[in-house]
Every structure is written in C-alpha cells, then in structure tokens.
Amino acid sequence: MSQKNSIIYVAEIDKKLVGFIRCIIKSNEPFFKIKKISKLTDFFVLPTHRRKGIGNKLLSKITLWCKKKKAPDLFLGTLSKSPKSNQMYLDKDFIEFEKAYYQNVT
C-alpha cells in the first residue's frame, strides 16, 4: 500500500500476514541541512517468524524506497530492549544517536 509520501510493505507466507513495515517522508524545518527525512513508524514480524530474514527483507525494501524518494536519511525509534532486534539495526548501518523520554500525564 502506498501514498505519495508513505508506504507499507507486508510479508506473507501461505497468504498469512507475518510481518509489516511502514515508513513516511516528512519535510524537515527549513533551517536544517537535511530537507526531507524518512521515518520508520511501524515494524513488526510475528514472533514465530523472527530470525528467518523477513525483517531484513522488509527493511531492505524500505531503504530502497527512501532512496528512490530522495529521502535517504532514515530515522526510527524503538522501545525494544531486545538485544537481537536492536543489533539488527546496528547490522544494517543504523547509528544510535539519541535518547527518548516518556511520561504518562493522566
């Protein structure tokens, strides 16, 4: 599924959804050097299908799409404390560069 500045890729096995990835492209503030940024907003593979290359294939599709859209700076945030999933990002040349904070204000 695709719109002008967003896309979702899905992974299916035997017509069953086993994973998906979603990315959007946003214009950056004019005072920043990077004019367009890609944001990986959703990325999931069923636990029963992890460690089989599905996540790598989905991520490769997204990076190619970002390059075609001339927005090669891809950002993602993760709440995962899983060393395996975080290592996948590092193996794919992502760089850890910031911390995020969360507050429940209810």
C-alpha atoms as a PDB file:
ATOM      1  CA  MET A   1       0.000   0.000   0.000  1.00  0.00           C
ATOM      2  CA  SER A   2       1.444   3.357  -0.961  1.00  0.00           C
ATOM      3  CA  GLN A   3       0.629   7.038  -0.999  1.00  0.00           C
ATOM      4  CA  LYS A   4       2.858   9.822  -2.245  1.00  0.00           C
ATOM      5  CA  ASN A   5       4.933  10.096   0.926  1.00  0.00           C
ATOM      6  CA  SER A   6       4.170   6.910   2.829  1.00  0.00           C
ATOM      7  CA  ILE A   7       4.319   3.213   2.181  1.00  0.00           C
ATOM      8  CA  ILE A   8       3.528  -0.075   3.878  1.00  0.00           C
ATOM      9  CA  TYR A   9       5.138  -3.341   2.868  1.00  0.00           C
ATOM     10  CA  VAL A  10       3.767  -6.621   4.160  1.00  0.00           C
ATOM     11  CA  ALA A  11       5.289 -10.080   4.411  1.00  0.00           C
ATOM     12  CA  GLU A  12       3.037 -13.061   3.774  1.00  0.00           C
ATOM     13  CA  ILE A  13       3.604 -16.774   3.993  1.00  0.00           C
ATOM     14  CA  ASP A  14       0.890 -19.044   2.628  1.00  0.00           C
ATOM     15  CA  LYS A  15      -1.413 -15.999   2.327  1.00  0.00           C
ATOM     16  CA  LYS A  16      -0.989 -15.271   6.045  1.00  0.00           C
ATOM     17  CA  LEU A  17       0.343 -11.911   7.204  1.00  0.00           C
ATOM     18  CA  VAL A  18       3.543 -12.491   9.176  1.00  0.00           C
ATOM     19  CA  GLY A  19       5.061  -9.010   9.203  1.00  0.00           C
ATOM     20  CA  PHE A  20       4.845  -5.435   8.010  1.00  0.00           C
ATOM     21  CA  ILE A  21       6.800  -2.212   7.885  1.00  0.00           C
ATOM     22  CA  ARG A  22       5.611   1.375   7.398  1.00  0.00           C
ATOM     23  CA  CYS A  23       7.563   4.480   6.503  1.00  0.00           C
ATOM     24  CA  ILE A  24       6.641   8.131   5.955  1.00  0.00           C
ATOM     25  CA  ILE A  25       8.578  11.007   4.458  1.00  0.00           C
ATOM     26  CA  LYS A  26       8.292  14.436   6.004  1.00  0.00           C
ATOM     27  CA  SER A  27       9.686  17.811   5.086  1.00  0.00           C
ATOM     28  CA  ASN A  28      12.149  18.993   7.664  1.00  0.00           C
ATOM     29  CA  GLU A  29      12.290  22.502   9.113  1.00  0.00           C
ATOM     30  CA  PRO A  30      13.885  24.881   6.582  1.00  0.00           C
ATOM     31  CA  PHE A  31      16.841  25.718   8.822  1.00  0.00           C
ATOM     32  CA  PHE A  32      18.030  22.096   8.901  1.00  0.00           C
ATOM     33  CA  LYS A  33      20.576  20.810   6.373  1.00  0.00           C
ATOM     34  CA  ILE A  34      18.516  17.672   5.725  1.00  0.00           C
ATOM     35  CA  LYS A  35      15.413  18.814   3.847  1.00  0.00           C
ATOM     36  CA  LYS A  36      13.437  15.551   3.773  1.00  0.00           C
ATOM     37  CA  ILE A  37      13.526  12.826   6.369  1.00  0.00           C
ATOM     38  CA  SER A  38      12.190   9.298   6.285  1.00  0.00           C
ATOM     39  CA  LYS A  39      10.642   7.936   9.469  1.00  0.00           C
ATOM     40  CA  LEU A  40      10.175   4.259  10.088  1.00  0.00           C
ATOM     41  CA  THR A  41       6.932   4.370  12.063  1.00  0.00           C
ATOM     42  CA  ASP A  42       5.917   0.702  12.341  1.00  0.00           C
ATOM     43  CA  PHE A  43       7.882  -2.514  12.035  1.00  0.00           C
ATOM     44  CA  PHE A  44       6.712  -5.915  13.236  1.00  0.00           C
ATOM     45  CA  VAL A  45       7.321  -9.579  12.497  1.00  0.00           C
ATOM     46  CA  LEU A  46       5.373 -12.307  14.276  1.00  0.00           C
ATOM     47  CA  PRO A  47       7.498 -13.948  16.994  1.00  0.00           C
ATOM     48  CA  THR A  48       7.063 -17.328  15.280  1.00  0.00           C
ATOM     49  CA  HIS A  49       8.638 -15.924  12.100  1.00  0.00           C
ATOM     50  CA  ARG A  50      11.542 -13.932  13.528  1.00  0.00           C
ATOM     51  CA  ARG A  51      15.185 -14.773  12.818  1.00  0.00           C
ATOM     52  CA  LYS A  52      14.230 -16.010   9.332  1.00  0.00           C
ATOM     53  CA  GLY A  53      15.278 -12.947   7.300  1.00  0.00           C
ATOM     54  CA  ILE A  54      11.790 -11.457   6.990  1.00  0.00           C
ATOM     55  CA  GLY A  55      12.677  -8.301   8.925  1.00  0.00           C
ATOM     56  CA  ASN A  56      15.840  -7.831   6.868  1.00  0.00           C
ATOM     57  CA  LYS A  57      13.883  -8.110   3.616  1.00  0.00           C
ATOM     58  CA  LEU A  58      11.257  -5.624   4.786  1.00  0.00           C
ATOM     59  CA  LEU A  59      13.908  -3.177   5.936  1.00  0.00           C
ATOM     60  CA  SER A  60      15.774  -3.517   2.620  1.00  0.00           C
ATOM     61  CA  LYS A  61      12.575  -2.677   0.708  1.00  0.00           C
ATOM     62  CA  ILE A  62      12.077   0.440   2.820  1.00  0.00           C
ATOM     63  CA  THR A  63      15.650   1.655   2.351  1.00  0.00           C
ATOM     64  CA  LEU A  64      15.340   1.280  -1.430  1.00  0.00           C
ATOM     65  CA  TRP A  65      12.045   3.198  -1.385  1.00  0.00           C
ATOM     66  CA  CYS A  66      13.638   6.012   0.649  1.00  0.00           C
ATOM     67  CA  LYS A  67      16.497   6.291  -1.837  1.00  0.00           C
ATOM     68  CA  LYS A  68      14.057   6.458  -4.763  1.00  0.00           C
ATOM     69  CA  LYS A  69      12.114   9.206  -2.980  1.00  0.00           C
ATOM     70  CA  LYS A  70      15.368  11.128  -2.427  1.00  0.00           C
ATOM     71  CA  ALA A  71      14.930  10.958   1.345  1.00  0.00           C
ATOM     72  CA  PRO A  72      17.777   8.608   2.304  1.00  0.00           C
ATOM     73  CA  ASP A  73      18.070   9.773   5.930  1.00  0.00           C
ATOM     74  CA  LEU A  74      16.015   7.113   7.714  1.00  0.00           C
ATOM     75  CA  PHE A  75      15.122   7.554  11.372  1.00  0.00           C
ATOM     76  CA  LEU A  76      13.472   5.110  13.748  1.00  0.00           C
ATOM     77  CA  GLY A  77      12.674   4.910  17.399  1.00  0.00           C
ATOM     78  CA  THR A  78      12.355   1.697  19.334  1.00  0.00           C
ATOM     79  CA  LEU A  79      11.018   0.732  22.719  1.00  0.00           C
ATOM     80  CA  SER A  80      12.525  -2.698  22.396  1.00  0.00           C
ATOM     81  CA  LYS A  81      15.074  -3.805  24.932  1.00  0.00           C
ATOM     82  CA  SER A  82      15.741  -6.905  22.873  1.00  0.00           C
ATOM     83  CA  PRO A  83      19.446  -7.135  22.063  1.00  0.00           C
ATOM     84  CA  LYS A  84      18.639  -9.182  18.939  1.00  0.00           C
ATOM     85  CA  SER A  85      16.286  -6.647  17.367  1.00  0.00           C
ATOM     86  CA  ASN A  86      18.480  -3.696  18.311  1.00  0.00           C
ATOM     87  CA  GLN A  87      21.512  -5.493  16.886  1.00  0.00           C
ATOM     88  CA  MET A  88      19.672  -5.882  13.581  1.00  0.00           C
ATOM     89  CA  TYR A  89      19.508  -2.092  13.255  1.00  0.00           C
ATOM     90  CA  LEU A  90      23.208  -1.762  14.001  1.00  0.00           C
ATOM     91  CA  ASP A  91      23.977  -4.530  11.478  1.00  0.00           C
ATOM     92  CA  LYS A  92      22.018  -2.516   8.892  1.00  0.00           C
ATOM     93  CA  ASP A  93      24.264   0.532   9.500  1.00  0.00           C
ATOM     94  CA  PHE A  94      21.889   2.468  11.749  1.00  0.00           C
ATOM     95  CA  ILE A  95      23.641   4.634  14.329  1.00  0.00           C
ATOM     96  CA  GLU A  96      22.335   5.047  17.857  1.00  0.00           C
ATOM     97  CA  PHE A  97      22.339   8.775  18.490  1.00  0.00           C
ATOM     98  CA  GLU A  98      19.678   9.954  20.903  1.00  0.00           C
ATOM     99  CA  LYS A  99      17.608   9.029  23.887  1.00  0.00           C
ATOM    100  CA  ALA A 100      13.855   9.340  24.163  1.00  0.00           C
ATOM    101  CA  TYR A 101      11.766  10.125  27.215  1.00  0.00           C
ATOM    102  CA  TYR A 102       8.204   9.193  28.059  1.00  0.00           C
ATOM    103  CA  GLN A 103       5.688  10.496  30.580  1.00  0.00           C
ATOM    104  CA  ASN A 104       2.141   9.379  31.300  1.00  0.00           C
ATOM    105  CA  VAL A 105       0.262  12.569  32.161  1.00  0.00           C
ATOM    106  CA  THR A 106      -3.073  11.065  33.175  1.00  0.00           C
END
